[in-house]
Amino acid sequence: MIEQLVVTNTIPLGSKTGCRKIRVLSVAGLLGEAIKRIHFNDSVSSLFV
């Protein structure tokens, strides 16, 4: 049995978010940091390690 399903908010789920077993995580901070690092010509790969 599935105890919990973790997804990101990159695609809207609509009415499916009412299920107790679905946990939606925001990727806003990660995307913002990646954009900042690209702008300043810094490493992006360290975000995903």
C-alpha atoms as a PDB file:
ATOM      1  CA  MET A   1       0.000   0.000   0.000  1.00  0.00           C
ATOM      2  CA  ILE A   2       1.240   3.528  -0.776  1.00  0.00           C
ATOM      3  CA  GLU A   3       1.693   5.558   2.401  1.00  0.00           C
ATOM      4  CA  GLN A   4       2.488   8.880   0.738  1.00  0.00           C
ATOM      5  CA  LEU A   5       2.994  10.214  -2.788  1.00  0.00           C
ATOM      6  CA  VAL A   6       5.322  13.214  -3.046  1.00  0.00           C
ATOM      7  CA  VAL A   7       5.063  15.406  -6.154  1.00  0.00           C
ATOM      8  CA  THR A   8       6.239  18.876  -7.155  1.00  0.00           C
ATOM      9  CA  ASN A   9       4.047  21.819  -8.058  1.00  0.00           C
ATOM     10  CA  THR A  10       5.432  22.054 -11.605  1.00  0.00           C
ATOM     11  CA  ILE A  11       2.107  20.765 -12.988  1.00  0.00           C
ATOM     12  CA  PRO A  12      -1.175  21.823 -11.353  1.00  0.00           C
ATOM     13  CA  LEU A  13      -3.077  18.902  -9.807  1.00  0.00           C
ATOM     14  CA  GLY A  14      -6.446  20.613  -9.613  1.00  0.00           C
ATOM     15  CA  SER A  15      -8.957  18.811  -7.384  1.00  0.00           C
ATOM     16  CA  LYS A  16      -6.631  15.844  -6.753  1.00  0.00           C
ATOM     17  CA  THR A  17      -4.808  17.756  -3.977  1.00  0.00           C
ATOM     18  CA  GLY A  18      -7.629  16.878  -1.576  1.00  0.00           C
ATOM     19  CA  CYS A  19      -6.226  13.364  -1.148  1.00  0.00           C
ATOM     20  CA  ARG A  20      -4.464  12.925   2.213  1.00  0.00           C
ATOM     21  CA  LYS A  21      -1.721  10.779   0.704  1.00  0.00           C
ATOM     22  CA  ILE A  22      -0.528  13.356  -1.854  1.00  0.00           C
ATOM     23  CA  ARG A  23       2.107  15.806  -0.629  1.00  0.00           C
ATOM     24  CA  VAL A  24       2.953  18.701  -2.963  1.00  0.00           C
ATOM     25  CA  LEU A  25       6.400  20.288  -2.666  1.00  0.00           C
ATOM     26  CA  SER A  26       7.240  23.717  -4.080  1.00  0.00           C
ATOM     27  CA  VAL A  27      10.157  24.078  -6.487  1.00  0.00           C
ATOM     28  CA  ALA A  28      10.096  27.888  -6.382  1.00  0.00           C
ATOM     29  CA  GLY A  29      13.198  28.226  -4.210  1.00  0.00           C
ATOM     30  CA  LEU A  30      15.191  25.788  -6.316  1.00  0.00           C
ATOM     31  CA  LEU A  31      14.219  27.480  -9.583  1.00  0.00           C
ATOM     32  CA  GLY A  32      14.960  30.918  -8.162  1.00  0.00           C
ATOM     33  CA  GLU A  33      18.395  29.842  -6.965  1.00  0.00           C
ATOM     34  CA  ALA A  34      19.167  28.214 -10.333  1.00  0.00           C
ATOM     35  CA  ILE A  35      18.201  31.403 -12.200  1.00  0.00           C
ATOM     36  CA  LYS A  36      20.362  33.500  -9.859  1.00  0.00           C
ATOM     37  CA  ARG A  37      23.365  31.201 -10.304  1.00  0.00           C
ATOM     38  CA  ILE A  38      23.004  31.202 -14.086  1.00  0.00           C
ATOM     39  CA  HIS A  39      22.790  34.991 -14.080  1.00  0.00           C
ATOM     40  CA  PHE A  40      25.982  35.300 -12.015  1.00  0.00           C
ATOM     41  CA  ASN A  41      27.706  32.506 -13.991  1.00  0.00           C
ATOM     42  CA  ASP A  42      27.966  30.256 -10.908  1.00  0.00           C
ATOM     43  CA  SER A  43      27.649  26.466 -10.679  1.00  0.00           C
ATOM     44  CA  VAL A  44      24.145  25.033 -10.960  1.00  0.00           C
ATOM     45  CA  SER A  45      25.135  21.370 -10.651  1.00  0.00           C
ATOM     46  CA  SER A  46      25.767  21.690  -6.914  1.00  0.00           C
ATOM     47  CA  LEU A  47      22.032  22.322  -6.429  1.00  0.00           C
ATOM     48  CA  PHE A  48      21.255  18.773  -7.511  1.00  0.00           C
ATOM     49  CA  VAL A  49      23.830  16.852  -5.481  1.00  0.00           C
END
